[in-house]
N, C-alpha and C. Protein backbone atom coordinates (compact mmCIF):
# COMPACT_ATOMS: atom_id res chain seq x y z
N UNK A 1 0.84 -1.19 0.00
CA UNK A 1 0.00 0.00 0.00
C UNK A 1 0.88 1.25 0.00
N UNK A 2 0.39 2.31 -0.58
CA UNK A 2 1.11 3.57 -0.68
C UNK A 2 1.19 4.25 0.69
N UNK A 3 2.41 4.49 1.16
CA UNK A 3 2.63 5.13 2.47
C UNK A 3 3.19 6.52 2.27
N UNK A 4 2.88 7.40 3.23
CA UNK A 4 3.50 8.72 3.22
C UNK A 4 3.51 9.26 4.64
N UNK A 5 4.29 10.31 4.79
CA UNK A 5 4.33 11.05 6.04
C UNK A 5 3.95 12.49 5.71
N UNK A 6 3.15 13.10 6.57
CA UNK A 6 2.76 14.49 6.38
C UNK A 6 3.19 15.29 7.60
N UNK A 7 3.82 16.42 7.34
CA UNK A 7 4.24 17.34 8.38
C UNK A 7 3.36 18.58 8.25
N UNK A 8 2.75 18.98 9.36
CA UNK A 8 1.91 20.17 9.38
C UNK A 8 2.65 21.27 10.14
N UNK A 9 2.88 22.39 9.48
CA UNK A 9 3.58 23.53 10.07
C UNK A 9 2.56 24.55 10.56
N UNK A 10 2.83 25.14 11.72
CA UNK A 10 1.97 26.18 12.28
C UNK A 10 2.17 27.46 11.48
N UNK A 11 1.18 27.82 10.67
CA UNK A 11 1.31 28.99 9.80
C UNK A 11 1.09 30.30 10.54
N UNK A 12 0.65 30.23 11.80
CA UNK A 12 0.45 31.45 12.58
C UNK A 12 1.76 32.05 13.10
N UNK A 13 2.81 31.24 13.13
CA UNK A 13 4.10 31.71 13.62
C UNK A 13 4.91 32.27 12.46
N UNK A 14 5.65 33.30 12.72
CA UNK A 14 6.48 33.92 11.69
C UNK A 14 7.87 33.27 11.72
N UNK A 15 7.93 32.03 11.23
CA UNK A 15 9.20 31.28 11.25
C UNK A 15 9.93 31.47 9.93
N UNK A 16 11.24 31.59 10.01
CA UNK A 16 12.06 31.64 8.79
C UNK A 16 12.02 30.27 8.12
N UNK A 17 12.47 30.21 6.89
CA UNK A 17 12.51 28.93 6.17
C UNK A 17 13.41 27.93 6.88
N UNK A 18 14.51 28.41 7.44
CA UNK A 18 15.40 27.52 8.19
C UNK A 18 14.74 26.96 9.43
N UNK A 19 14.00 27.80 10.13
CA UNK A 19 13.28 27.35 11.33
C UNK A 19 12.20 26.35 10.96
N UNK A 20 11.48 26.60 9.87
CA UNK A 20 10.47 25.66 9.40
C UNK A 20 11.12 24.31 9.08
N UNK A 21 12.26 24.35 8.42
CA UNK A 21 12.97 23.10 8.08
C UNK A 21 13.36 22.34 9.34
N UNK A 22 13.86 23.05 10.34
CA UNK A 22 14.26 22.39 11.58
C UNK A 22 13.05 21.77 12.29
N UNK A 23 11.95 22.51 12.38
CA UNK A 23 10.76 22.01 13.05
C UNK A 23 10.14 20.84 12.30
N UNK A 24 10.15 20.91 10.98
CA UNK A 24 9.65 19.80 10.16
C UNK A 24 10.51 18.56 10.37
N UNK A 25 11.81 18.75 10.49
CA UNK A 25 12.71 17.61 10.74
C UNK A 25 12.43 16.96 12.08
N UNK A 26 12.23 17.78 13.12
CA UNK A 26 11.88 17.23 14.44
C UNK A 26 10.59 16.43 14.35
N UNK A 27 9.58 17.00 13.72
CA UNK A 27 8.28 16.33 13.62
C UNK A 27 8.39 15.03 12.84
N UNK A 28 9.13 15.06 11.74
CA UNK A 28 9.29 13.87 10.90
C UNK A 28 9.97 12.74 11.66
N UNK A 29 11.08 13.04 12.26
CA UNK A 29 11.85 12.00 12.96
C UNK A 29 11.07 11.41 14.14
N UNK A 30 10.49 12.26 14.96
CA UNK A 30 9.79 11.77 16.14
C UNK A 30 8.54 10.96 15.77
N UNK A 31 7.79 11.40 14.77
CA UNK A 31 6.62 10.62 14.33
C UNK A 31 7.08 9.28 13.75
N UNK A 32 8.15 9.30 12.99
CA UNK A 32 8.72 8.08 12.41
C UNK A 32 9.06 7.07 13.53
N UNK A 33 9.70 7.55 14.58
CA UNK A 33 10.10 6.66 15.67
C UNK A 33 8.92 6.08 16.43
N UNK A 34 7.77 6.73 16.36
CA UNK A 34 6.56 6.24 17.04
C UNK A 34 5.77 5.25 16.18
N UNK A 35 6.16 5.12 14.92
CA UNK A 35 5.46 4.23 13.99
C UNK A 35 6.05 2.83 14.10
N UNK A 36 5.22 1.82 13.95
CA UNK A 36 5.74 0.46 14.07
C UNK A 36 6.73 0.14 12.95
N UNK A 37 7.61 -0.79 13.25
CA UNK A 37 8.74 -1.11 12.37
C UNK A 37 8.29 -1.55 10.98
N UNK A 38 7.22 -2.32 10.89
CA UNK A 38 6.73 -2.78 9.58
C UNK A 38 6.32 -1.59 8.71
N UNK A 39 5.58 -0.64 9.30
CA UNK A 39 5.16 0.56 8.56
C UNK A 39 6.39 1.36 8.10
N UNK A 40 7.35 1.53 9.01
CA UNK A 40 8.56 2.30 8.69
C UNK A 40 9.32 1.66 7.53
N UNK A 41 9.50 0.35 7.61
CA UNK A 41 10.27 -0.33 6.56
C UNK A 41 9.58 -0.27 5.21
N UNK A 42 8.27 -0.45 5.20
CA UNK A 42 7.53 -0.37 3.94
C UNK A 42 7.62 1.04 3.35
N UNK A 43 7.47 2.04 4.18
CA UNK A 43 7.57 3.45 3.75
C UNK A 43 8.95 3.75 3.18
N UNK A 44 9.97 3.34 3.89
CA UNK A 44 11.34 3.59 3.44
C UNK A 44 11.65 2.86 2.14
N UNK A 45 11.16 1.66 1.99
CA UNK A 45 11.45 0.87 0.78
C UNK A 45 10.80 1.46 -0.46
N UNK A 46 9.82 2.34 -0.27
CA UNK A 46 9.11 2.94 -1.40
C UNK A 46 9.41 4.43 -1.55
N UNK A 47 10.53 4.88 -1.02
CA UNK A 47 10.97 6.26 -1.26
C UNK A 47 10.75 7.24 -0.14
N UNK A 48 10.14 6.82 0.96
CA UNK A 48 9.94 7.67 2.14
C UNK A 48 9.28 9.01 1.79
N UNK A 49 8.16 8.95 1.11
CA UNK A 49 7.43 10.15 0.67
C UNK A 49 7.04 11.02 1.87
N UNK A 50 7.34 12.32 1.76
CA UNK A 50 6.98 13.30 2.79
C UNK A 50 6.31 14.50 2.12
N UNK A 51 5.28 15.01 2.76
CA UNK A 51 4.57 16.20 2.29
C UNK A 51 4.59 17.19 3.45
N UNK A 52 4.83 18.47 3.16
CA UNK A 52 4.80 19.49 4.21
C UNK A 52 3.71 20.50 3.87
N UNK A 53 2.75 20.60 4.78
CA UNK A 53 1.60 21.48 4.61
C UNK A 53 1.54 22.44 5.80
N UNK A 54 0.58 23.36 5.74
CA UNK A 54 0.46 24.32 6.84
C UNK A 54 -0.98 24.40 7.32
N UNK A 55 -1.12 24.76 8.61
CA UNK A 55 -2.43 24.95 9.21
C UNK A 55 -2.30 25.96 10.35
N UNK A 56 -3.42 26.57 10.69
CA UNK A 56 -3.44 27.47 11.83
C UNK A 56 -3.31 26.66 13.11
N UNK A 57 -2.73 27.28 14.13
CA UNK A 57 -2.51 26.60 15.41
C UNK A 57 -3.82 26.07 16.01
N UNK A 58 -4.92 26.78 15.79
CA UNK A 58 -6.18 26.33 16.38
C UNK A 58 -6.71 25.04 15.74
N UNK A 59 -6.09 24.58 14.67
CA UNK A 59 -6.47 23.32 14.01
C UNK A 59 -5.67 22.13 14.55
N UNK A 60 -4.60 22.40 15.31
CA UNK A 60 -3.71 21.34 15.76
C UNK A 60 -4.43 20.29 16.62
N UNK A 61 -5.27 20.72 17.54
CA UNK A 61 -5.99 19.78 18.41
C UNK A 61 -6.91 18.87 17.60
N UNK A 62 -7.59 19.44 16.63
CA UNK A 62 -8.48 18.66 15.76
C UNK A 62 -7.68 17.63 14.95
N UNK A 63 -6.53 18.04 14.43
CA UNK A 63 -5.68 17.13 13.66
C UNK A 63 -5.24 15.97 14.54
N UNK A 64 -4.83 16.26 15.76
CA UNK A 64 -4.39 15.20 16.68
C UNK A 64 -5.54 14.27 17.04
N UNK A 65 -6.72 14.81 17.30
CA UNK A 65 -7.89 13.96 17.61
C UNK A 65 -8.19 13.01 16.45
N UNK A 66 -8.14 13.53 15.23
CA UNK A 66 -8.41 12.68 14.07
C UNK A 66 -7.33 11.60 13.92
N UNK A 67 -6.07 11.96 14.15
CA UNK A 67 -4.98 10.98 14.07
C UNK A 67 -5.18 9.88 15.10
N UNK A 68 -5.55 10.26 16.31
CA UNK A 68 -5.79 9.25 17.35
C UNK A 68 -6.96 8.35 16.98
N UNK A 69 -8.03 8.94 16.45
CA UNK A 69 -9.21 8.15 16.06
C UNK A 69 -8.88 7.16 14.94
N UNK A 70 -7.98 7.56 14.03
CA UNK A 70 -7.59 6.70 12.91
C UNK A 70 -6.37 5.83 13.22
N UNK A 71 -5.88 5.93 14.45
CA UNK A 71 -4.72 5.15 14.90
C UNK A 71 -3.47 5.44 14.04
N UNK A 72 -3.23 6.72 13.80
CA UNK A 72 -2.06 7.17 13.05
C UNK A 72 -1.05 7.73 14.05
N UNK A 73 0.19 7.27 13.97
CA UNK A 73 1.21 7.80 14.87
C UNK A 73 1.45 9.27 14.55
N UNK A 74 1.77 10.04 15.59
CA UNK A 74 2.02 11.47 15.39
C UNK A 74 2.96 11.99 16.46
N UNK A 75 3.50 13.16 16.19
CA UNK A 75 4.30 13.86 17.19
C UNK A 75 4.06 15.36 17.03
N UNK A 76 3.74 16.02 18.15
CA UNK A 76 3.56 17.47 18.15
C UNK A 76 4.84 18.09 18.70
N UNK A 77 5.39 19.04 17.95
CA UNK A 77 6.63 19.70 18.35
C UNK A 77 6.31 21.00 19.07
N UNK A 78 6.94 21.17 20.23
CA UNK A 78 6.88 22.44 20.98
C UNK A 78 8.29 22.99 21.00
N UNK A 79 8.43 24.24 20.62
CA UNK A 79 9.75 24.84 20.50
C UNK A 79 10.37 25.12 21.87
N UNK A 80 11.69 24.98 21.95
CA UNK A 80 12.43 25.26 23.18
C UNK A 80 12.63 26.75 23.40
N UNK A 81 12.47 27.55 22.36
CA UNK A 81 12.58 28.99 22.50
C UNK A 81 13.98 29.55 22.46
N UNK A 82 14.91 28.81 21.88
CA UNK A 82 16.30 29.27 21.83
C UNK A 82 16.57 30.28 20.73
N UNK A 83 15.71 30.35 19.72
CA UNK A 83 16.03 31.22 18.58
C UNK A 83 14.93 32.21 18.27
N UNK A 84 13.98 31.86 17.43
CA UNK A 84 13.05 32.83 16.85
C UNK A 84 11.72 33.01 17.57
N UNK A 85 11.27 32.01 18.28
CA UNK A 85 9.93 32.08 18.84
C UNK A 85 9.94 31.73 20.32
N UNK A 86 8.84 32.04 20.99
CA UNK A 86 8.81 31.85 22.44
C UNK A 86 8.73 30.37 22.82
N UNK A 87 9.31 30.02 23.97
CA UNK A 87 9.29 28.64 24.43
C UNK A 87 7.88 28.08 24.54
N UNK A 88 7.73 26.83 24.17
CA UNK A 88 6.44 26.15 24.27
C UNK A 88 5.52 26.36 23.09
N UNK A 89 5.94 27.17 22.12
CA UNK A 89 5.10 27.38 20.92
C UNK A 89 4.94 26.07 20.17
N UNK A 90 3.72 25.78 19.74
CA UNK A 90 3.45 24.58 18.95
C UNK A 90 3.83 24.90 17.51
N UNK A 91 4.88 24.26 17.02
CA UNK A 91 5.42 24.61 15.71
C UNK A 91 5.03 23.65 14.59
N UNK A 92 4.85 22.37 14.91
CA UNK A 92 4.62 21.38 13.85
C UNK A 92 4.02 20.11 14.42
N UNK A 93 3.40 19.35 13.53
CA UNK A 93 2.93 18.00 13.84
C UNK A 93 3.43 17.09 12.73
N UNK A 94 3.97 15.95 13.10
CA UNK A 94 4.32 14.92 12.14
C UNK A 94 3.30 13.80 12.21
N UNK A 95 2.77 13.38 11.07
CA UNK A 95 1.83 12.26 10.99
C UNK A 95 2.43 11.13 10.20
N UNK A 96 2.44 9.95 10.77
CA UNK A 96 2.90 8.77 10.05
C UNK A 96 4.40 8.60 10.05
N UNK A 97 4.86 7.72 9.21
CA UNK A 97 4.27 7.23 7.96
C UNK A 97 3.10 6.28 8.19
N UNK A 98 2.18 6.38 7.24
CA UNK A 98 0.94 5.61 7.29
C UNK A 98 0.39 5.52 5.87
N UNK A 99 -0.65 4.70 5.70
CA UNK A 99 -1.31 4.60 4.40
C UNK A 99 -1.77 6.00 3.98
N UNK A 100 -1.46 6.35 2.75
CA UNK A 100 -1.79 7.68 2.24
C UNK A 100 -3.28 7.97 2.36
N UNK A 101 -4.11 6.98 2.11
CA UNK A 101 -5.56 7.20 2.16
C UNK A 101 -6.03 7.56 3.57
N UNK A 102 -5.38 7.02 4.59
CA UNK A 102 -5.74 7.36 5.97
C UNK A 102 -5.31 8.78 6.31
N UNK A 103 -4.07 9.13 5.96
CA UNK A 103 -3.57 10.47 6.26
C UNK A 103 -4.35 11.52 5.48
N UNK A 104 -4.73 11.20 4.26
CA UNK A 104 -5.50 12.15 3.44
C UNK A 104 -6.83 12.53 4.08
N UNK A 105 -7.39 11.65 4.90
CA UNK A 105 -8.64 11.97 5.60
C UNK A 105 -8.46 13.15 6.55
N UNK A 106 -7.22 13.40 6.96
CA UNK A 106 -6.92 14.48 7.89
C UNK A 106 -6.36 15.70 7.17
N UNK A 107 -5.53 15.48 6.16
CA UNK A 107 -4.70 16.57 5.63
C UNK A 107 -5.01 16.99 4.19
N UNK A 108 -5.92 16.34 3.51
CA UNK A 108 -6.12 16.62 2.09
C UNK A 108 -6.53 18.06 1.79
N UNK A 109 -7.16 18.72 2.74
CA UNK A 109 -7.61 20.10 2.51
C UNK A 109 -6.56 21.14 2.85
N UNK A 110 -5.42 20.73 3.41
CA UNK A 110 -4.38 21.68 3.81
C UNK A 110 -3.49 22.05 2.62
N UNK A 111 -3.00 23.27 2.61
CA UNK A 111 -2.16 23.77 1.51
C UNK A 111 -0.69 23.48 1.78
N UNK A 112 0.05 23.24 0.70
CA UNK A 112 1.48 23.01 0.82
C UNK A 112 2.19 24.26 1.32
N UNK A 113 3.27 24.05 2.08
CA UNK A 113 4.12 25.16 2.51
C UNK A 113 4.89 25.64 1.30
N UNK A 114 4.98 26.97 1.16
CA UNK A 114 5.72 27.55 0.02
C UNK A 114 6.95 28.26 0.50
């Protein structure tokens, strides 16, 4: 089955492209580590597809509830506050890797980060 990972960036924060990249990396790695080994291996063997989209911070709780309901691994990143934004800011969510059709139920309406 087609697997992918989706990273959701908090579009309400004024993060530089470098900061977005760092937060997306944290979200990707931590969500990956929470996914079972079979899912990880299948995803990696097929190119480790990743999509990065954006959403308002007030959508993060809804995204997490849907992920839990669909049994999709996830990780919510809170910033340490060492650089651009205040400590504890919710910067990103990593979903999966998981079947693309399951993740699409949560993220298909979100726009890609530009």
